[in-house]
C-alpha atoms as a PDB file:
ATOM      1  CA  MET A   1      -7.685 -14.573  21.541  1.00  0.00           C
ATOM      2  CA  LYS A   2      -5.789 -14.265  18.270  1.00  0.00           C
ATOM      3  CA  ARG A   3      -2.150 -13.296  17.917  1.00  0.00           C
ATOM      4  CA  VAL A   4      -1.619 -11.457  14.646  1.00  0.00           C
ATOM      5  CA  LEU A   5       1.749 -10.650  13.094  1.00  0.00           C
ATOM      6  CA  VAL A   6       1.565  -7.592  10.821  1.00  0.00           C
ATOM      7  CA  THR A   7       4.687  -7.355   8.695  1.00  0.00           C
ATOM      8  CA  GLY A   8       5.492  -3.944   7.271  1.00  0.00           C
ATOM      9  CA  GLY A   9       3.302  -2.540  10.010  1.00  0.00           C
ATOM     10  CA  ALA A  10       5.191   0.741  10.398  1.00  0.00           C
ATOM     11  CA  GLY A  11       4.307   1.716   6.836  1.00  0.00           C
ATOM     12  CA  PHE A  12       1.183   3.389   5.557  1.00  0.00           C
ATOM     13  CA  ILE A  13      -1.555   0.758   5.277  1.00  0.00           C
ATOM     14  CA  GLY A  14       0.128  -1.663   7.692  1.00  0.00           C
ATOM     15  CA  SER A  15       0.122   0.865  10.547  1.00  0.00           C
ATOM     16  CA  HIS A  16      -3.543   1.657   9.941  1.00  0.00           C
ATOM     17  CA  PHE A  17      -4.350  -2.056   9.913  1.00  0.00           C
ATOM     18  CA  ALA A  18      -2.518  -2.740  13.186  1.00  0.00           C
ATOM     19  CA  ARG A  19      -4.485   0.079  14.805  1.00  0.00           C
ATOM     20  CA  TYR A  20      -7.717  -1.165  13.230  1.00  0.00           C
ATOM     21  CA  LEU A  21      -7.280  -4.660  14.702  1.00  0.00           C
ATOM     22  CA  LEU A  22      -6.491  -3.384  18.185  1.00  0.00           C
ATOM     23  CA  MET A  23      -9.528  -1.117  18.192  1.00  0.00           C
ATOM     24  CA  LYS A  24     -11.990  -3.623  16.746  1.00  0.00           C
ATOM     25  CA  TYR A  25     -10.895  -6.739  18.651  1.00  0.00           C
ATOM     26  CA  PRO A  26     -10.160  -6.034  22.336  1.00  0.00           C
ATOM     27  CA  GLU A  27      -8.937  -9.587  22.876  1.00  0.00           C
ATOM     28  CA  TYR A  28      -6.411  -9.615  20.010  1.00  0.00           C
ATOM     29  CA  ARG A  29      -2.666  -9.166  20.364  1.00  0.00           C
ATOM     30  CA  VAL A  30      -0.800  -7.526  17.489  1.00  0.00           C
ATOM     31  CA  THR A  31       2.911  -7.584  16.711  1.00  0.00           C
ATOM     32  CA  VAL A  32       4.387  -5.333  14.045  1.00  0.00           C
ATOM     33  CA  LEU A  33       7.541  -6.420  12.248  1.00  0.00           C
ATOM     34  CA  ASP A  34       9.220  -3.721  10.186  1.00  0.00           C
ATOM     35  CA  ALA A  35      12.716  -3.158   8.814  1.00  0.00           C
ATOM     36  CA  LEU A  36      12.218   0.614   9.011  1.00  0.00           C
ATOM     37  CA  THR A  37      13.575   1.240   5.546  1.00  0.00           C
ATOM     38  CA  TYR A  38      12.917   4.644   4.010  1.00  0.00           C
ATOM     39  CA  ALA A  39       9.073   4.389   4.089  1.00  0.00           C
ATOM     40  CA  GLY A  40       8.818   2.702   7.490  1.00  0.00           C
ATOM     41  CA  ASN A  41       8.215   5.230  10.245  1.00  0.00           C
ATOM     42  CA  LEU A  42       7.926   4.582  13.962  1.00  0.00           C
ATOM     43  CA  SER A  43       5.856   7.742  14.357  1.00  0.00           C
ATOM     44  CA  ASN A  44       3.095   5.950  12.427  1.00  0.00           C
ATOM     45  CA  ILE A  45       2.634   3.579  15.365  1.00  0.00           C
ATOM     46  CA  ALA A  46       3.800   5.784  18.226  1.00  0.00           C
ATOM     47  CA  ASP A  47       0.297   5.836  19.729  1.00  0.00           C
ATOM     48  CA  LEU A  48       0.309   2.012  19.907  1.00  0.00           C
ATOM     49  CA  MET A  49       3.603   1.566  21.750  1.00  0.00           C
ATOM     50  CA  HIS A  50       2.080   1.708  25.241  1.00  0.00           C
ATOM     51  CA  ASN A  51      -0.781  -0.642  24.444  1.00  0.00           C
ATOM     52  CA  PRO A  52      -0.212  -3.868  26.429  1.00  0.00           C
ATOM     53  CA  ARG A  53      -1.631  -5.871  23.514  1.00  0.00           C
ATOM     54  CA  PHE A  54       0.875  -4.426  21.039  1.00  0.00           C
ATOM     55  CA  ALA A  55       4.530  -5.194  20.362  1.00  0.00           C
ATOM     56  CA  PHE A  56       7.032  -3.891  17.849  1.00  0.00           C
ATOM     57  CA  TYR A  57       9.968  -5.852  16.459  1.00  0.00           C
ATOM     58  CA  HIS A  58      12.637  -4.237  14.313  1.00  0.00           C
ATOM     59  CA  GLY A  59      13.629  -6.805  11.713  1.00  0.00           C
ATOM     60  CA  ASP A  60      13.540  -7.873   8.084  1.00  0.00           C
ATOM     61  CA  VAL A  61      11.085 -10.350   6.535  1.00  0.00           C
ATOM     62  CA  ARG A  62      13.973 -11.600   4.390  1.00  0.00           C
ATOM     63  CA  ASP A  63      15.735 -12.901   7.505  1.00  0.00           C
ATOM     64  CA  PRO A  64      14.659 -16.536   8.089  1.00  0.00           C
ATOM     65  CA  VAL A  65      15.632 -16.426  11.767  1.00  0.00           C
ATOM     66  CA  VAL A  66      13.498 -13.359  12.415  1.00  0.00           C
ATOM     67  CA  ALA A  67      10.589 -14.811  10.452  1.00  0.00           C
ATOM     68  CA  ARG A  68      10.692 -18.160  12.253  1.00  0.00           C
ATOM     69  CA  ASN A  69      10.960 -16.638  15.732  1.00  0.00           C
ATOM     70  CA  LEU A  70       7.926 -14.436  15.179  1.00  0.00           C
ATOM     71  CA  VAL A  71       5.700 -16.666  13.057  1.00  0.00           C
ATOM     72  CA  ARG A  72       5.952 -19.538  15.530  1.00  0.00           C
ATOM     73  CA  ASN A  73       4.267 -17.417  18.233  1.00  0.00           C
ATOM     74  CA  HIS A  74       1.413 -16.035  16.129  1.00  0.00           C
ATOM     75  CA  ASP A  75      -1.800 -17.455  14.729  1.00  0.00           C
ATOM     76  CA  TRP A  76      -2.072 -15.278  11.627  1.00  0.00           C
ATOM     77  CA  VAL A  77       0.401 -13.407   9.445  1.00  0.00           C
ATOM     78  CA  VAL A  78      -0.726 -10.388   7.397  1.00  0.00           C
ATOM     79  CA  ASN A  79       2.027  -9.339   5.012  1.00  0.00           C
ATOM     80  CA  PHE A  80       2.264  -5.654   4.104  1.00  0.00           C
ATOM     81  CA  ALA A  81       6.056  -5.715   3.894  1.00  0.00           C
ATOM     82  CA  ALA A  82       6.950  -4.592   0.389  1.00  0.00           C
ATOM     83  CA  GLU A  83       8.637  -2.043  -1.780  1.00  0.00           C
ATOM     84  CA  THR A  84       5.610  -0.366  -3.341  1.00  0.00           C
ATOM     85  CA  HIS A  85       6.508   2.671  -5.449  1.00  0.00           C
ATOM     86  CA  VAL A  86       6.371   2.077  -9.210  1.00  0.00           C
ATOM     87  CA  ASP A  87       8.749   4.953  -9.947  1.00  0.00           C
ATOM     88  CA  ARG A  88      11.408   3.539  -7.632  1.00  0.00           C
ATOM     89  CA  SER A  89      10.938   0.073  -9.138  1.00  0.00           C
ATOM     90  CA  ILE A  90      11.873   1.479 -12.542  1.00  0.00           C
ATOM     91  CA  LEU A  91      15.124   2.888 -11.167  1.00  0.00           C
ATOM     92  CA  ASN A  92      15.993  -0.049  -8.884  1.00  0.00           C
ATOM     93  CA  PRO A  93      14.023  -3.242  -9.617  1.00  0.00           C
ATOM     94  CA  GLY A  94      16.353  -5.513  -7.652  1.00  0.00           C
ATOM     95  CA  SER A  95      15.245  -4.302  -4.223  1.00  0.00           C
ATOM     96  CA  PHE A  96      11.625  -5.030  -5.176  1.00  0.00           C
ATOM     97  CA  LEU A  97      12.432  -8.625  -6.044  1.00  0.00           C
ATOM     98  CA  GLN A  98      14.283  -9.079  -2.774  1.00  0.00           C
ATOM     99  CA  THR A  99      11.504  -7.827  -0.499  1.00  0.00           C
ATOM    100  CA  ASP A 100       8.345  -8.464  -2.504  1.00  0.00           C
ATOM    101  CA  VAL A 101       9.226 -11.973  -3.699  1.00  0.00           C
ATOM    102  CA  TYR A 102      12.016 -13.429  -1.568  1.00  0.00           C
ATOM    103  CA  GLY A 103      10.554 -11.909   1.598  1.00  0.00           C
ATOM    104  CA  VAL A 104       7.234 -13.621   0.877  1.00  0.00           C
ATOM    105  CA  TYR A 105       9.047 -16.921   0.322  1.00  0.00           C
ATOM    106  CA  VAL A 106      10.745 -16.619   3.734  1.00  0.00           C
ATOM    107  CA  LEU A 107       7.442 -15.923   5.478  1.00  0.00           C
ATOM    108  CA  LEU A 108       5.669 -18.765   3.676  1.00  0.00           C
ATOM    109  CA  GLU A 109       8.404 -21.185   4.664  1.00  0.00           C
ATOM    110  CA  ALA A 110       8.057 -20.138   8.295  1.00  0.00           C
ATOM    111  CA  CYS A 111       4.291 -20.601   8.142  1.00  0.00           C
ATOM    112  CA  ARG A 112       4.758 -24.013   6.532  1.00  0.00           C
ATOM    113  CA  GLU A 113       7.192 -25.108   9.237  1.00  0.00           C
ATOM    114  CA  PHE A 114       4.911 -24.249  12.132  1.00  0.00           C
ATOM    115  CA  GLY A 115       1.600 -25.115  10.471  1.00  0.00           C
ATOM    116  CA  SER A 116      -1.975 -23.925  10.975  1.00  0.00           C
ATOM    117  CA  LYS A 117      -1.053 -20.310  10.301  1.00  0.00           C
ATOM    118  CA  ARG A 118      -3.311 -18.212   8.091  1.00  0.00           C
ATOM    119  CA  PHE A 119      -1.114 -16.162   5.745  1.00  0.00           C
ATOM    120  CA  LEU A 120      -2.718 -13.135   4.091  1.00  0.00           C
ATOM    121  CA  GLN A 121      -0.729 -11.639   1.241  1.00  0.00           C
ATOM    122  CA  VAL A 122      -1.605  -7.985   0.677  1.00  0.00           C
ATOM    123  CA  SER A 123      -1.281  -7.351  -3.043  1.00  0.00           C
ATOM    124  CA  THR A 124      -2.391  -4.759  -5.587  1.00  0.00           C
ATOM    125  CA  ASP A 125      -4.777  -4.340  -8.494  1.00  0.00           C
ATOM    126  CA  GLU A 126      -1.730  -3.444 -10.599  1.00  0.00           C
ATOM    127  CA  VAL A 127      -1.016  -7.153 -11.094  1.00  0.00           C
ATOM    128  CA  TYR A 128      -3.827  -7.223 -13.687  1.00  0.00           C
ATOM    129  CA  GLY A 129      -2.065  -4.594 -15.792  1.00  0.00           C
ATOM    130  CA  GLU A 130      -4.136  -2.185 -17.838  1.00  0.00           C
ATOM    131  CA  VAL A 131      -7.877  -2.760 -17.648  1.00  0.00           C
ATOM    132  CA  LEU A 132      -9.003  -0.508 -20.466  1.00  0.00           C
ATOM    133  CA  GLU A 133     -12.625  -1.634 -20.287  1.00  0.00           C
ATOM    134  CA  GLY A 134     -14.771  -3.330 -17.687  1.00  0.00           C
ATOM    135  CA  PHE A 135     -13.543  -4.653 -14.345  1.00  0.00           C
ATOM    136  CA  ALA A 136     -10.894  -7.292 -13.586  1.00  0.00           C
ATOM    137  CA  ARG A 137     -12.103 -10.371 -11.717  1.00  0.00           C
ATOM    138  CA  GLU A 138      -9.896 -12.415  -9.427  1.00  0.00           C
ATOM    139  CA  ASP A 139      -9.653 -15.323 -11.879  1.00  0.00           C
ATOM    140  CA  GLU A 140      -8.349 -13.246 -14.786  1.00  0.00           C
ATOM    141  CA  PRO A 141      -4.751 -13.575 -16.047  1.00  0.00           C
ATOM    142  CA  LEU A 142      -2.085 -11.405 -14.454  1.00  0.00           C
ATOM    143  CA  ARG A 143      -0.375  -9.016 -16.860  1.00  0.00           C
ATOM    144  CA  PRO A 144       1.936  -6.770 -14.801  1.00  0.00           C
ATOM    145  CA  ARG A 145       3.765  -4.055 -16.722  1.00  0.00           C
ATOM    146  CA  SER A 146       6.169  -2.558 -14.159  1.00  0.00           C
ATOM    147  CA  PRO A 147       8.888  -4.164 -12.006  1.00  0.00           C
ATOM    148  CA  TYR A 148       6.768  -3.359  -8.953  1.00  0.00           C
ATOM    149  CA  SER A 149       3.585  -5.009 -10.215  1.00  0.00           C
ATOM    150  CA  ALA A 150       5.603  -7.951 -11.569  1.00  0.00           C
ATOM    151  CA  SER A 151       7.128  -8.509  -8.131  1.00  0.00           C
ATOM    152  CA  LYS A 152       3.693  -8.442  -6.503  1.00  0.00           C
ATOM    153  CA  ALA A 153       2.234 -10.788  -9.123  1.00  0.00           C
ATOM    154  CA  SER A 154       5.123 -13.177  -8.492  1.00  0.00           C
ATOM    155  CA  ALA A 155       4.414 -13.127  -4.769  1.00  0.00           C
ATOM    156  CA  ASP A 156       0.691 -13.758  -5.382  1.00  0.00           C
ATOM    157  CA  LEU A 157       1.475 -16.815  -7.473  1.00  0.00           C
ATOM    158  CA  LEU A 158       4.025 -18.088  -4.987  1.00  0.00           C
ATOM    159  CA  ALA A 159       1.551 -17.764  -2.116  1.00  0.00           C
ATOM    160  CA  GLN A 160      -1.122 -19.601  -4.083  1.00  0.00           C
ATOM    161  CA  ALA A 161       1.397 -22.290  -4.993  1.00  0.00           C
ATOM    162  CA  TYR A 162       2.005 -22.914  -1.290  1.00  0.00           C
ATOM    163  CA  PHE A 163      -1.724 -23.453  -0.864  1.00  0.00           C
ATOM    164  CA  HIS A 164      -1.943 -25.950  -3.718  1.00  0.00           C
ATOM    165  CA  THR A 165       1.355 -27.735  -3.035  1.00  0.00           C
ATOM    166  CA  TYR A 166       1.549 -27.749   0.749  1.00  0.00           C
ATOM    167  CA  GLY A 167      -2.030 -27.077   1.819  1.00  0.00           C
ATOM    168  CA  LEU A 168      -1.011 -23.847   3.537  1.00  0.00           C
ATOM    169  CA  ASP A 169      -3.894 -21.588   4.591  1.00  0.00           C
ATOM    170  CA  VAL A 170      -3.205 -18.708   2.203  1.00  0.00           C
ATOM    171  CA  VAL A 171      -5.479 -15.859   1.095  1.00  0.00           C
ATOM    172  CA  VAL A 172      -4.670 -12.872  -1.125  1.00  0.00           C
ATOM    173  CA  THR A 173      -6.152  -9.378  -1.324  1.00  0.00           C
ATOM    174  CA  ARG A 174      -5.612  -7.087  -4.311  1.00  0.00           C
ATOM    175  CA  GLY A 175      -6.278  -3.515  -3.308  1.00  0.00           C
ATOM    176  CA  SER A 176      -6.789  -0.477  -5.484  1.00  0.00           C
ATOM    177  CA  ASN A 177      -5.006   2.870  -5.031  1.00  0.00           C
ATOM    178  CA  THR A 178      -5.162   3.692  -1.337  1.00  0.00           C
ATOM    179  CA  TYR A 179      -4.925   7.131   0.236  1.00  0.00           C
ATOM    180  CA  GLY A 180      -5.182   8.659   3.697  1.00  0.00           C
ATOM    181  CA  PRO A 181      -3.095   9.988   6.606  1.00  0.00           C
ATOM    182  CA  HIS A 182       0.488   8.794   7.134  1.00  0.00           C
ATOM    183  CA  GLN A 183       1.103   7.936   3.466  1.00  0.00           C
ATOM    184  CA  TYR A 184       4.699   8.475   2.408  1.00  0.00           C
ATOM    185  CA  PRO A 185       4.760  11.663   0.310  1.00  0.00           C
ATOM    186  CA  GLU A 186       6.173  10.165  -2.854  1.00  0.00           C
ATOM    187  CA  LYS A 187       2.767   8.736  -3.799  1.00  0.00           C
ATOM    188  CA  MET A 188       0.495  10.938  -5.864  1.00  0.00           C
ATOM    189  CA  ILE A 189      -2.067  12.231  -3.363  1.00  0.00           C
ATOM    190  CA  PRO A 190       0.300  13.050  -0.469  1.00  0.00           C
ATOM    191  CA  LEU A 191       2.915  14.391  -2.909  1.00  0.00           C
ATOM    192  CA  PHE A 192       0.393  16.721  -4.496  1.00  0.00           C
ATOM    193  CA  ILE A 193      -1.060  17.812  -1.153  1.00  0.00           C
ATOM    194  CA  THR A 194       2.315  18.607   0.402  1.00  0.00           C
ATOM    195  CA  ASN A 195       3.628  20.284  -2.749  1.00  0.00           C
ATOM    196  CA  ALA A 196       0.507  22.441  -2.939  1.00  0.00           C
ATOM    197  CA  LEU A 197       0.842  23.401   0.716  1.00  0.00           C
ATOM    198  CA  GLU A 198       4.264  24.830  -0.152  1.00  0.00           C
ATOM    199  CA  ASP A 199       3.105  26.322  -3.463  1.00  0.00           C
ATOM    200  CA  GLN A 200       5.332  23.899  -5.345  1.00  0.00           C
ATOM    201  CA  PRO A 201       4.417  22.365  -8.737  1.00  0.00           C
ATOM    202  CA  LEU A 202       2.252  19.239  -8.899  1.00  0.00           C
ATOM    203  CA  PRO A 203       4.083  16.978 -11.423  1.00  0.00           C
ATOM    204  CA  LEU A 204       1.288  15.295 -13.393  1.00  0.00           C
ATOM    205  CA  TYR A 205       2.298  12.479 -15.730  1.00  0.00           C
ATOM    206  CA  GLY A 206       1.439  13.088 -19.384  1.00  0.00           C
ATOM    207  CA  ASP A 207      -2.061  14.379 -20.000  1.00  0.00           C
ATOM    208  CA  GLY A 208      -3.310  13.209 -16.601  1.00  0.00           C
ATOM    209  CA  SER A 209      -6.046  11.047 -18.095  1.00  0.00           C
ATOM    210  CA  GLN A 210      -4.865   7.854 -16.383  1.00  0.00           C
ATOM    211  CA  ILE A 211      -7.723   6.372 -14.353  1.00  0.00           C
ATOM    212  CA  ARG A 212      -7.394   4.857 -10.895  1.00  0.00           C
ATOM    213  CA  ASP A 213      -9.866   3.455  -8.369  1.00  0.00           C
ATOM    214  CA  TRP A 214      -9.233   5.362  -5.130  1.00  0.00           C
ATOM    215  CA  ILE A 215     -10.045   3.754  -1.776  1.00  0.00           C
ATOM    216  CA  TYR A 216      -9.697   5.390   1.629  1.00  0.00           C
ATOM    217  CA  VAL A 217      -7.312   3.540   3.923  1.00  0.00           C
ATOM    218  CA  GLU A 218      -9.954   2.652   6.537  1.00  0.00           C
ATOM    219  CA  ASP A 219     -12.100   0.972   3.883  1.00  0.00           C
ATOM    220  CA  HIS A 220      -9.068  -0.950   2.640  1.00  0.00           C
ATOM    221  CA  CYS A 221      -8.301  -2.135   6.188  1.00  0.00           C
ATOM    222  CA  ALA A 222     -11.900  -3.255   6.657  1.00  0.00           C
ATOM    223  CA  GLY A 223     -11.711  -5.243   3.430  1.00  0.00           C
ATOM    224  CA  ILE A 224      -8.514  -6.995   4.516  1.00  0.00           C
ATOM    225  CA  ASP A 225     -10.059  -7.714   7.913  1.00  0.00           C
ATOM    226  CA  THR A 226     -13.103  -9.282   6.238  1.00  0.00           C
ATOM    227  CA  VAL A 227     -10.903 -11.557   4.141  1.00  0.00           C
ATOM    228  CA  LEU A 228      -8.719 -12.467   7.117  1.00  0.00           C
ATOM    229  CA  HIS A 229     -11.717 -13.645   9.123  1.00  0.00           C
ATOM    230  CA  HIS A 230     -14.108 -15.034   6.517  1.00  0.00           C
ATOM    231  CA  ALA A 231     -12.302 -16.084   3.331  1.00  0.00           C
ATOM    232  CA  ARG A 232     -11.810 -19.652   2.236  1.00  0.00           C
ATOM    233  CA  PRO A 233      -8.179 -20.819   2.046  1.00  0.00           C
ATOM    234  CA  GLY A 234      -6.589 -20.378  -1.370  1.00  0.00           C
ATOM    235  CA  GLU A 235      -8.924 -17.580  -2.486  1.00  0.00           C
ATOM    236  CA  VAL A 236      -8.153 -14.128  -3.908  1.00  0.00           C
ATOM    237  CA  TYR A 237     -10.282 -11.034  -3.242  1.00  0.00           C
ATOM    238  CA  ASN A 238     -10.249  -7.643  -4.927  1.00  0.00           C
ATOM    239  CA  VAL A 239     -10.584  -4.604  -2.647  1.00  0.00           C
ATOM    240  CA  GLY A 240     -11.725  -1.434  -4.414  1.00  0.00           C
ATOM    241  CA  ALA A 241     -14.183   1.396  -3.810  1.00  0.00           C
ATOM    242  CA  GLY A 242     -15.348   2.052  -7.369  1.00  0.00           C
ATOM    243  CA  ASN A 243     -14.036   5.643  -7.372  1.00  0.00           C
ATOM    244  CA  LEU A 244     -12.733   5.602 -10.951  1.00  0.00           C
ATOM    245  CA  LEU A 245     -11.170   9.026 -11.385  1.00  0.00           C
ATOM    246  CA  LYS A 246      -8.672  10.599 -13.757  1.00  0.00           C
ATOM    247  CA  ASN A 247      -5.404  11.740 -12.202  1.00  0.00           C
ATOM    248  CA  ARG A 248      -5.965  15.280 -13.455  1.00  0.00           C
ATOM    249  CA  PHE A 249      -9.349  15.406 -11.697  1.00  0.00           C
ATOM    250  CA  VAL A 250      -7.694  14.301  -8.430  1.00  0.00           C
ATOM    251  CA  ALA A 251      -5.001  16.965  -8.795  1.00  0.00           C
ATOM    252  CA  GLU A 252      -7.615  19.647  -9.455  1.00  0.00           C
ATOM    253  CA  LYS A 253      -9.716  18.492  -6.512  1.00  0.00           C
ATOM    254  CA  ILE A 254      -6.711  18.712  -4.160  1.00  0.00           C
ATOM    255  CA  LEU A 255      -6.057  22.279  -5.289  1.00  0.00           C
ATOM    256  CA  GLU A 256      -9.745  23.123  -4.867  1.00  0.00           C
ATOM    257  CA  VAL A 257      -9.790  21.821  -1.294  1.00  0.00           C
ATOM    258  CA  LEU A 258      -6.630  23.780  -0.458  1.00  0.00           C
ATOM    259  CA  GLY A 259      -7.736  26.929  -2.283  1.00  0.00           C
ATOM    260  CA  LYS A 260      -4.682  26.842  -4.541  1.00  0.00           C
ATOM    261  CA  PRO A 261      -4.502  27.827  -8.245  1.00  0.00           C
ATOM    262  CA  LEU A 262      -4.715  25.263 -11.041  1.00  0.00           C
ATOM    263  CA  SER A 263      -1.534  26.798 -12.450  1.00  0.00           C
ATOM    264  CA  LEU A 264       0.407  24.667  -9.943  1.00  0.00           C
ATOM    265  CA  ILE A 265      -0.284  21.602 -12.124  1.00  0.00           C
ATOM    266  CA  ARG A 266       2.727  20.910 -14.361  1.00  0.00           C
ATOM    267  CA  SER A 267       2.650  18.189 -16.995  1.00  0.00           C
ATOM    268  CA  VAL A 268       5.801  16.060 -16.999  1.00  0.00           C
ATOM    269  CA  LEU A 269       6.979  13.275 -19.273  1.00  0.00           C
ATOM    270  CA  ASP A 270       4.969  10.123 -18.582  1.00  0.00           C
ATOM    271  CA  ARG A 271       6.775   7.228 -16.949  1.00  0.00           C
ATOM    272  CA  PRO A 272       7.607   4.115 -19.014  1.00  0.00           C
ATOM    273  CA  GLY A 273       4.868   1.470 -19.201  1.00  0.00           C
ATOM    274  CA  HIS A 274       2.358   3.647 -17.352  1.00  0.00           C
ATOM    275  CA  ASP A 275      -0.967   1.782 -17.187  1.00  0.00           C
ATOM    276  CA  ARG A 276      -3.868   3.893 -18.397  1.00  0.00           C
ATOM    277  CA  ARG A 277      -6.639   2.407 -16.285  1.00  0.00           C
ATOM    278  CA  TYR A 278      -7.186   0.107 -13.320  1.00  0.00           C
ATOM    279  CA  ALA A 279     -10.580  -1.226 -12.312  1.00  0.00           C
ATOM    280  CA  VAL A 280     -11.510  -4.296 -10.275  1.00  0.00           C
ATOM    281  CA  ASP A 281     -14.694  -6.261  -9.706  1.00  0.00           C
ATOM    282  CA  THR A 282     -15.301  -6.400  -5.944  1.00  0.00           C
ATOM    283  CA  SER A 283     -18.474  -8.487  -5.942  1.00  0.00           C
ATOM    284  CA  LYS A 284     -16.657 -11.471  -4.413  1.00  0.00           C
ATOM    285  CA  LEU A 285     -15.604  -9.457  -1.361  1.00  0.00           C
ATOM    286  CA  ARG A 286     -18.964  -7.728  -1.092  1.00  0.00           C
ATOM    287  CA  ALA A 287     -20.573 -11.179  -0.882  1.00  0.00           C
ATOM    288  CA  LEU A 288     -18.706 -11.602   2.420  1.00  0.00           C
ATOM    289  CA  GLY A 289     -20.503  -8.535   3.791  1.00  0.00           C
ATOM    290  CA  TRP A 290     -17.957  -5.775   3.095  1.00  0.00           C
ATOM    291  CA  SER A 291     -18.685  -2.482   1.366  1.00  0.00           C
ATOM    292  CA  PRO A 292     -16.781   0.827   1.341  1.00  0.00           C
ATOM    293  CA  ARG A 293     -18.070   3.562   3.633  1.00  0.00           C
ATOM    294  CA  TRP A 294     -16.006   6.562   2.566  1.00  0.00           C
ATOM    295  CA  GLN A 295     -16.885   8.729  -0.423  1.00  0.00           C
ATOM    296  CA  PHE A 296     -13.805   9.965  -2.275  1.00  0.00           C
ATOM    297  CA  GLU A 297     -14.311  13.661  -1.541  1.00  0.00           C
ATOM    298  CA  GLN A 298     -14.993  12.910   2.125  1.00  0.00           C
ATOM    299  CA  GLY A 299     -11.784  10.872   2.409  1.00  0.00           C
ATOM    300  CA  LEU A 300      -9.810  13.494   0.509  1.00  0.00           C
ATOM    301  CA  GLN A 301     -10.996  16.239   2.853  1.00  0.00           C
ATOM    302  CA  GLN A 302      -9.889  14.123   5.813  1.00  0.00           C
ATOM    303  CA  THR A 303      -6.535  13.417   4.202  1.00  0.00           C
ATOM    304  CA  VAL A 304      -5.818  17.029   3.245  1.00  0.00           C
ATOM    305  CA  GLN A 305      -6.679  18.148   6.748  1.00  0.00           C
ATOM    306  CA  TRP A 306      -4.274  15.615   8.274  1.00  0.00           C
ATOM    307  CA  TYR A 307      -1.349  16.779   6.146  1.00  0.00           C
ATOM    308  CA  ARG A 308      -2.251  20.405   6.828  1.00  0.00           C
ATOM    309  CA  MET A 309      -2.172  19.720  10.579  1.00  0.00           C
ATOM    310  CA  HIS A 310       1.018  17.605  10.561  1.00  0.00           C
ATOM    311  CA  PRO A 311       3.677  19.520   8.615  1.00  0.00           C
ATOM    312  CA  ASP A 312       6.445  18.266  10.906  1.00  0.00           C
ATOM    313  CA  TRP A 313       5.667  14.668   9.891  1.00  0.00           C
ATOM    314  CA  TRP A 314       5.961  15.181   6.143  1.00  0.00           C
ATOM    315  CA  LYS A 315       8.624  17.891   6.147  1.00  0.00           C
ATOM    316  CA  GLU A 316      10.962  15.622   8.068  1.00  0.00           C
ATOM    317  CA  ILE A 317      10.602  13.121   5.211  1.00  0.00           C
ATOM    318  CA  LYS A 318      10.652  15.483   2.236  1.00  0.00           C
ATOM    319  CA  TYR A 319      13.762  17.364   3.292  1.00  0.00           C
ATOM    320  CA  LYS A 320      15.881  14.315   3.966  1.00  0.00           C
ATOM    321  CA  LYS A 321      18.811  13.834   1.614  1.00  0.00           C
ATOM    322  CA  GLU A 322      17.530  10.468   0.315  1.00  0.00           C
ATOM    323  CA  TYR A 323      14.128  11.865  -0.620  1.00  0.00           C
ATOM    324  CA  GLN A 324      15.618  14.951  -2.246  1.00  0.00           C
ATOM    325  CA  GLN A 325      18.073  12.881  -4.288  1.00  0.00           C
ATOM    326  CA  PHE A 326      15.417  10.484  -5.544  1.00  0.00           C
ATOM    327  CA  THR A 327      13.001  13.277  -6.411  1.00  0.00           C
ATOM    328  CA  ALA A 328      15.637  15.314  -8.202  1.00  0.00           C
ATOM    329  CA  GLN A 329      16.845  12.300 -10.198  1.00  0.00           C
ATOM    330  CA  TRP A 330      13.389  11.081 -11.150  1.00  0.00           C
ATOM    331  CA  TYR A 331      11.712  14.346 -12.081  1.00  0.00           C
ATOM    332  CA  ALA A 332      14.784  15.705 -13.855  1.00  0.00           C
ATOM    333  CA  GLN A 333      14.268  12.825 -16.305  1.00  0.00           C
ATOM    334  CA  ARG A 334      10.624  13.844 -16.711  1.00  0.00           C
ATOM    335  CA  GLY A 335      11.200  17.543 -17.265  1.00  0.00           C
ATOM    336  CA  GLY A 336       9.687  18.489 -13.909  1.00  0.00           C
ATOM    337  CA  GLU A 337      10.885  20.201 -10.765  1.00  0.00           C
ATOM    338  CA  ALA A 338      11.900  18.807  -7.408  1.00  0.00           C
ATOM    339  CA  PRO A 339      10.501  20.377  -4.232  1.00  0.00           C
ATOM    340  CA  ALA A 340      12.444  23.410  -3.066  1.00  0.00           C
ATOM    341  CA  GLN A 341      15.071  22.847  -0.385  1.00  0.00           C
ATOM    342  CA  GLU A 342      14.693  24.626   2.944  1.00  0.00           C
END
């Protein structure tokens, strides 16, 4: 029986991962720690609350007392807790440093104090910066170009330093752009889906030729699970599906699935330092037996259908004052339009 602490587990990928563990391993116990900041949502884990093998704790990874009290009673820590939106990091980089770097330090210190704890740091392919040709391997230099990716790169290096300096059992995953149900609708795919459902413009940065590797959330969870159980301490593993697609193609595909006109796409001023292409080499993870199962169009159909069937979930978010203020501020600077108010 393993006791797994999933930090940031009320967010998008973290909630899917908590559910994934409980379903795959009937003997495991899972605790979610989440501060329930703007992107944390208890409804994401509402179906888990009555599971006797699940527990939820409302707290902050930056709080050493909270971290110590929870880490001491768990075998493994999987850290999803992070500020993750590049746009927000441009407007407010300080909060990203606090959660993404200092929060990781607090968790690592707790793991070091109590020993024999596997710590898995969930990171991003954005730490490699632009990969204009080929595919980034895990041993390549990190060249982050946004406050968000710089904060994640810092956390990666700090986690690896704890392995080399203190012998802590640390592993790192670097995932590509993830999509699926329950994703906060400021990210591209859920933003475009929910805007299209309301016949609102889809604000596409620049010419839309930026390329991302899209991975469905269940495949990402399976990759993290593989690393958690089979990776050697101190190692880094890329998690990507090889779906290298231009942003404009993704926008057009969303409109096609929803039966909406292409005229909803509106080009807006590109964001500063916007990386043109991400691509990662996943051969190291595949050697452990993992491979993605979801084709992009299959996952997109599933995702669109979820947002179509759950308007109450995303409307509650999109019509909150905080969301409206951020959207209005950000897209006003880009020459775009914020979603209409109800």
